[in-house]
């Protein structure tokens, strides 16, 4: 139990540091009421995709979490609206892992949002903000080269079996191995 409370205090400390430093990439929220007060449109082009993705996110891990789907949908739609980006599949898996921390700790909803927002903005801006997916295509090409030089036999087997790197690499990269 000690570790969950120390983790919770670590997340709170990170949130306060970033908020006081006026972190420039992520729009950080000071309390969960801001998210609940914000009028979230469930009629956006991507809200149905979010709803479908959330239903299949971490199904076995969230058995006792009654608000999981509703709060995940709110957080993801809020993030997309607030940052004026289109939803891309994979965001749900990253948010799902962070949301599950809530069941074992005293992390508030806004703190999950802030960590998620900072994580995407720092590490995955090019993947999720780029409509052409150029960064993703470049990353897939790098994975191809890595396989070519480090695992040529495996790459040959994949090629003979018509398994392209897009089939497995896209999921790895967009979910940061969270799935």
Foldseek 3Di string as FASTA:
>chain_A
DVVQAVVQVVLVVVLVVCVVVVPPQFDADDAPVVLVPDDFDCPDPCNVVLLVLQVPEPVVLCPPPPCRSVLLSSLQSCRCVVVVFHDDPQLSLQLSVLVSSVVRHVHHSRSSSRVSRCCCRPPPCQCGRDPVRPVVVVVLVVVVVCCVPPPVVVVVVCVVVVNGSCNPSVNCVSNVVSD
